[in-house]
Protein backbone atom coordinates (compact mmCIF):
# COMPACT_ATOMS: atom_id res chain seq x y z
CA MET A 1 118.00 -102.85 -33.96
CA GLU A 2 116.04 -99.67 -34.53
CA LYS A 3 114.75 -97.58 -31.67
CA THR A 4 111.00 -97.72 -31.23
CA HIS A 5 110.52 -94.69 -29.02
CA LYS A 6 111.42 -91.07 -29.55
CA ILE A 7 114.21 -89.93 -27.26
CA ALA A 8 114.43 -86.51 -25.61
CA LEU A 9 117.48 -84.94 -23.97
CA VAL A 10 116.68 -82.40 -21.24
CA THR A 11 119.55 -80.35 -19.83
CA GLY A 12 119.20 -79.38 -16.19
CA GLY A 13 116.61 -82.13 -15.77
CA SER A 14 117.19 -82.97 -12.12
CA ARG A 15 114.96 -80.24 -10.71
CA GLY A 16 112.49 -77.46 -11.44
CA LEU A 17 111.21 -76.91 -14.94
CA GLY A 18 113.67 -79.39 -16.42
CA ARG A 19 112.48 -82.16 -14.14
CA ASN A 20 108.85 -81.37 -14.86
CA SER A 21 109.47 -81.23 -18.61
CA ALA A 22 111.24 -84.59 -18.53
CA ILE A 23 108.37 -86.24 -16.68
CA ALA A 24 105.77 -84.61 -18.92
CA LEU A 25 107.63 -85.90 -21.98
CA SER A 26 107.62 -89.41 -20.55
CA LYS A 27 103.85 -89.21 -20.09
CA LYS A 28 103.57 -88.47 -23.81
CA GLY A 29 105.58 -91.56 -24.69
CA PHE A 30 109.09 -90.14 -24.95
CA ASP A 31 112.13 -91.84 -23.51
CA VAL A 32 114.24 -89.24 -21.72
CA ILE A 33 117.88 -88.54 -20.94
CA VAL A 34 118.33 -85.87 -18.27
CA THR A 35 121.51 -84.02 -17.44
CA TYR A 36 122.53 -82.77 -14.04
CA HIS A 37 125.35 -80.55 -12.83
CA SER A 38 125.98 -81.89 -9.33
CA ARG A 39 122.71 -83.39 -8.05
CA LYS A 40 123.14 -86.94 -9.24
CA ASP A 41 120.79 -88.32 -6.58
CA GLU A 42 117.97 -86.03 -7.72
CA ALA A 43 118.59 -86.93 -11.35
CA GLU A 44 118.38 -90.61 -10.52
CA LEU A 45 115.01 -90.03 -8.84
CA VAL A 46 113.78 -88.40 -12.06
CA VAL A 47 115.00 -91.45 -13.99
CA LYS A 48 113.03 -93.73 -11.67
CA GLU A 49 109.88 -91.66 -12.09
CA ILE A 50 110.21 -91.74 -15.88
CA GLU A 51 110.71 -95.51 -15.77
CA ALA A 52 107.61 -95.79 -13.56
CA ASN A 53 105.73 -94.12 -16.42
CA GLY A 54 106.80 -97.00 -18.66
CA GLN A 55 109.61 -95.24 -20.52
CA LYS A 56 113.36 -95.70 -20.68
CA ALA A 57 115.57 -93.08 -19.05
CA ALA A 58 119.16 -92.21 -18.21
CA ALA A 59 121.06 -89.44 -16.42
CA LEU A 60 124.35 -87.86 -17.53
CA GLN A 61 126.53 -85.25 -15.85
CA LEU A 62 126.95 -81.97 -17.73
CA ASP A 63 128.41 -78.61 -16.79
CA ALA A 64 126.51 -76.39 -19.21
CA SER A 65 128.98 -73.55 -18.61
CA ASP A 66 132.11 -75.46 -19.58
CA ILE A 67 132.27 -75.67 -23.37
CA ALA A 68 135.54 -77.58 -23.22
CA THR A 69 133.67 -80.56 -21.74
CA PHE A 70 131.04 -80.77 -24.48
CA GLU A 71 133.11 -83.11 -26.65
CA HIS A 72 133.40 -85.57 -23.76
CA PHE A 73 129.69 -85.22 -23.05
CA ALA A 74 128.89 -86.00 -26.69
CA VAL A 75 130.92 -89.20 -26.38
CA LEU A 76 129.08 -90.21 -23.20
CA LEU A 77 125.77 -89.47 -24.90
CA ALA A 78 126.73 -91.58 -27.91
CA ASP A 79 127.63 -94.44 -25.59
CA VAL A 80 124.33 -94.37 -23.69
CA LEU A 81 122.33 -94.09 -26.92
CA LYS A 82 124.10 -97.14 -28.30
CA GLU A 83 123.95 -99.20 -25.11
CA LYS A 84 120.40 -98.42 -24.02
CA TRP A 85 118.62 -97.62 -27.28
CA HIS A 86 120.80 -99.25 -29.97
CA THR A 87 120.86 -96.02 -31.97
CA GLU A 88 123.15 -93.11 -32.77
CA HIS A 89 120.50 -90.42 -32.72
CA PHE A 90 117.92 -88.76 -30.49
CA ASP A 91 114.86 -86.72 -31.41
CA VAL A 92 114.37 -83.81 -29.02
CA LEU A 93 116.78 -81.39 -27.33
CA ILE A 94 115.47 -79.21 -24.50
CA ASN A 95 118.03 -76.50 -23.67
CA ASN A 96 116.84 -75.85 -20.13
CA ALA A 97 119.91 -75.71 -17.86
CA GLY A 98 120.35 -72.33 -16.24
CA PHE A 99 120.30 -70.08 -13.21
CA GLY A 100 119.31 -66.52 -12.38
CA VAL A 101 121.19 -63.43 -11.27
CA HIS A 102 119.25 -60.62 -9.60
CA ALA A 103 121.24 -57.38 -9.52
CA PRO A 104 120.72 -53.82 -10.78
CA LEU A 105 122.63 -53.06 -13.95
CA VAL A 106 125.04 -50.77 -12.11
CA ASP A 107 125.87 -53.50 -9.58
CA THR A 108 126.16 -56.46 -11.98
CA THR A 109 129.73 -57.71 -11.93
CA GLU A 110 131.72 -58.92 -14.90
CA GLU A 111 131.91 -62.33 -13.21
CA GLN A 112 128.12 -62.52 -12.93
CA PHE A 113 127.71 -61.37 -16.53
CA ASP A 114 130.22 -63.89 -17.84
CA SER A 115 128.64 -66.74 -15.88
CA LEU A 116 125.27 -65.92 -17.46
CA VAL A 117 126.82 -65.77 -20.93
CA ASN A 118 128.57 -69.11 -20.45
CA VAL A 119 125.44 -71.03 -19.44
CA HIS A 120 122.57 -69.25 -21.15
CA LEU A 121 124.13 -68.21 -24.45
CA LYS A 122 127.50 -69.83 -25.22
CA GLY A 123 126.41 -73.06 -23.56
CA VAL A 124 123.21 -73.32 -25.59
CA PHE A 125 124.94 -72.27 -28.82
CA PHE A 126 127.87 -74.65 -28.62
CA LEU A 127 126.10 -77.62 -27.03
CA THR A 128 123.48 -77.53 -29.77
CA GLN A 129 126.22 -77.14 -32.37
CA LYS A 130 127.99 -80.18 -30.92
CA LEU A 131 124.84 -82.32 -30.84
CA ILE A 132 122.99 -81.26 -33.98
CA SER A 133 124.42 -84.13 -36.04
CA ARG A 134 122.93 -86.56 -33.53
CA ILE A 135 119.45 -85.02 -33.64
CA SER A 136 117.24 -86.99 -36.00
CA ASP A 137 115.79 -85.37 -39.10
CA HIS A 138 112.34 -83.97 -38.24
CA GLY A 139 113.48 -83.58 -34.64
CA ARG A 140 112.69 -80.81 -32.18
CA ILE A 141 114.69 -78.23 -30.26
CA ILE A 142 113.15 -76.20 -27.45
CA ASN A 143 115.15 -73.32 -25.99
CA VAL A 144 114.04 -71.95 -22.63
CA SER A 145 113.66 -68.18 -22.52
CA THR A 146 111.75 -66.01 -20.03
CA GLY A 147 108.79 -63.66 -19.80
CA LEU A 148 111.36 -61.03 -18.81
CA THR A 149 112.19 -60.50 -22.48
CA ARG A 150 108.70 -58.96 -22.91
CA PHE A 151 108.25 -57.15 -19.60
CA ALA A 152 110.99 -55.58 -17.49
CA LEU A 153 111.53 -56.08 -13.77
CA GLU A 154 114.42 -54.22 -12.19
CA GLY A 155 117.38 -56.42 -11.36
CA TYR A 156 117.06 -58.89 -14.22
CA GLY A 157 118.66 -56.89 -17.04
CA ALA A 158 121.67 -59.13 -17.60
CA TYR A 159 119.67 -62.35 -17.32
CA ALA A 160 116.94 -61.11 -19.65
CA ALA A 161 119.52 -59.92 -22.20
CA MET A 162 120.87 -63.48 -22.48
CA LYS A 163 117.37 -64.81 -23.04
CA GLY A 164 116.68 -62.12 -25.64
CA ALA A 165 119.71 -63.41 -27.52
CA ILE A 166 118.35 -66.95 -27.21
CA GLU A 167 115.08 -65.90 -28.84
CA VAL A 168 116.99 -64.50 -31.83
CA LEU A 169 119.18 -67.61 -31.93
CA THR A 170 116.03 -69.75 -31.94
CA ARG A 171 114.89 -68.17 -35.21
CA TYR A 172 118.28 -68.67 -36.81
CA MET A 173 118.39 -72.31 -35.71
CA ALA A 174 114.95 -72.82 -37.21
CA LYS A 175 116.07 -71.19 -40.46
CA GLU A 176 119.30 -73.17 -40.85
CA TRP A 177 118.02 -76.57 -39.75
CA GLY A 178 114.55 -76.36 -41.24
CA ARG A 179 115.90 -78.04 -44.37
CA ARG A 180 116.25 -81.16 -42.21
CA GLY A 181 112.71 -80.79 -40.92
CA ILE A 182 113.94 -79.81 -37.45
CA ARG A 183 111.60 -77.43 -35.62
CA VAL A 184 113.04 -74.94 -33.14
CA ASN A 185 110.95 -72.91 -30.71
CA ALA A 186 111.48 -70.93 -27.51
CA ILE A 187 109.30 -71.31 -24.42
CA ALA A 188 109.12 -68.20 -22.22
CA PRO A 189 107.82 -68.97 -18.71
CA GLY A 190 106.52 -66.25 -16.43
CA ALA A 191 107.24 -66.24 -12.70
CA ILE A 192 107.26 -69.82 -11.41
CA ALA A 193 107.18 -71.09 -7.82
CA THR A 194 110.33 -73.25 -7.92
CA ASP A 195 113.75 -73.03 -6.23
CA PHE A 196 114.91 -70.75 -9.07
CA GLN A 197 116.59 -67.61 -7.72
CA GLY A 198 116.63 -69.09 -4.24
CA GLY A 199 112.90 -69.83 -4.29
CA ALA A 200 111.96 -66.13 -4.09
CA VAL A 201 108.64 -66.51 -5.94
CA ARG A 202 107.80 -69.71 -4.08
CA ASP A 203 108.79 -68.64 -0.57
CA ASN A 204 108.20 -64.88 -0.40
CA GLN A 205 104.49 -64.36 0.14
CA GLY A 206 104.67 -60.68 -0.75
CA ILE A 207 106.26 -61.43 -4.14
CA ASN A 208 103.85 -64.31 -4.66
CA ASP A 209 100.80 -62.13 -3.95
CA PHE A 210 102.05 -59.27 -6.13
CA ILE A 211 102.67 -61.48 -9.14
CA GLY A 212 99.33 -63.20 -8.68
CA SER A 213 97.63 -59.79 -8.68
CA GLN A 214 99.34 -58.91 -11.97
CA THR A 215 98.50 -62.18 -13.72
CA ALA A 216 95.24 -62.65 -15.61
CA LEU A 217 94.69 -66.11 -14.12
CA GLY A 218 95.25 -64.75 -10.63
CA ARG A 219 98.24 -66.75 -9.35
CA VAL A 220 101.91 -67.44 -9.92
CA GLY A 221 102.87 -70.36 -12.12
CA GLU A 222 103.88 -73.82 -10.98
CA ALA A 223 106.36 -76.15 -12.66
CA ASP A 224 103.40 -78.29 -13.73
CA ASP A 225 102.13 -75.35 -15.79
CA ILE A 226 105.27 -75.38 -17.95
CA GLY A 227 106.36 -78.99 -18.44
CA GLY A 228 103.20 -79.90 -20.31
CA VAL A 229 103.65 -76.97 -22.68
CA VAL A 230 107.22 -78.04 -23.43
CA ALA A 231 106.16 -81.64 -24.02
CA SER A 232 103.25 -80.60 -26.23
CA LEU A 233 105.57 -78.54 -28.44
CA CYS A 234 107.49 -81.75 -29.14
CA THR A 235 104.47 -83.66 -30.45
CA ASP A 236 103.45 -84.15 -34.07
CA GLU A 237 100.25 -82.19 -33.41
CA MET A 238 102.39 -79.05 -33.01
CA GLY A 239 104.38 -79.86 -36.13
CA TRP A 240 103.62 -76.61 -37.96
CA VAL A 241 104.71 -74.38 -35.06
CA ASN A 242 108.24 -73.27 -35.78
CA ALA A 243 110.63 -70.39 -34.95
CA GLN A 244 108.22 -69.03 -32.33
CA ARG A 245 108.53 -67.50 -28.87
CA ILE A 246 105.69 -69.03 -26.89
CA GLU A 247 105.03 -67.37 -23.54
CA ALA A 248 103.52 -69.48 -20.77
CA SER A 249 102.83 -66.98 -18.01
CA GLY A 250 99.12 -67.18 -17.31
CA GLY A 251 98.76 -63.70 -18.77
CA MET A 252 101.37 -61.86 -16.66
CA PHE A 253 101.60 -58.05 -16.91
CA LEU A 254 99.09 -57.69 -19.73
């Protein structure tokens, strides 16, 4: 039995931008598999919301920092694809899982640096490598970057460096896998009012007001501002957009 819906896999889909992207994809007719690190209950709520939108969904545990577990994850993914969708392939990979570290360069520890490398660079590289054979021809890959690769805010040097590497990697992925018709783009959000970095943008009114004053549209971003952009990049209408860094920041620090 052939699958009738396109299937998206969203890492870190239990909260924040990942959650919003997963729901936005479901509203555009995608079935969605979300991964979670430890918040299984939140992931299951996302699954229920996707199903309420009329799409199929599933949640799988994934530690995006632990490359040694990726083989096991690929097996679990193959099982759920076979059991729920009667297929061996999926169509869209959203490499979203991540976290932030705020520390001046001189105070950034090797442990902090390595943790960023493991999730944001090695994790993306090797998870995509592990799953690329299961992504359908003419599929989509979206890597999540950050506005901080264009503008610099003190304390985010290590984090932004990882995302700069991801933007280069995005172009190489697009080059190597373009022969299969797979499009690869990077989405670069500006400051977003989520629980990222302890909810600093969301909860600190001073930071919120400052960013709003430096953004052309006059406010900080919300998760709803990003998920729709991610989902739109996965549609056929955006089929000629490839190997691009697309910033969604409302015009921050122009």
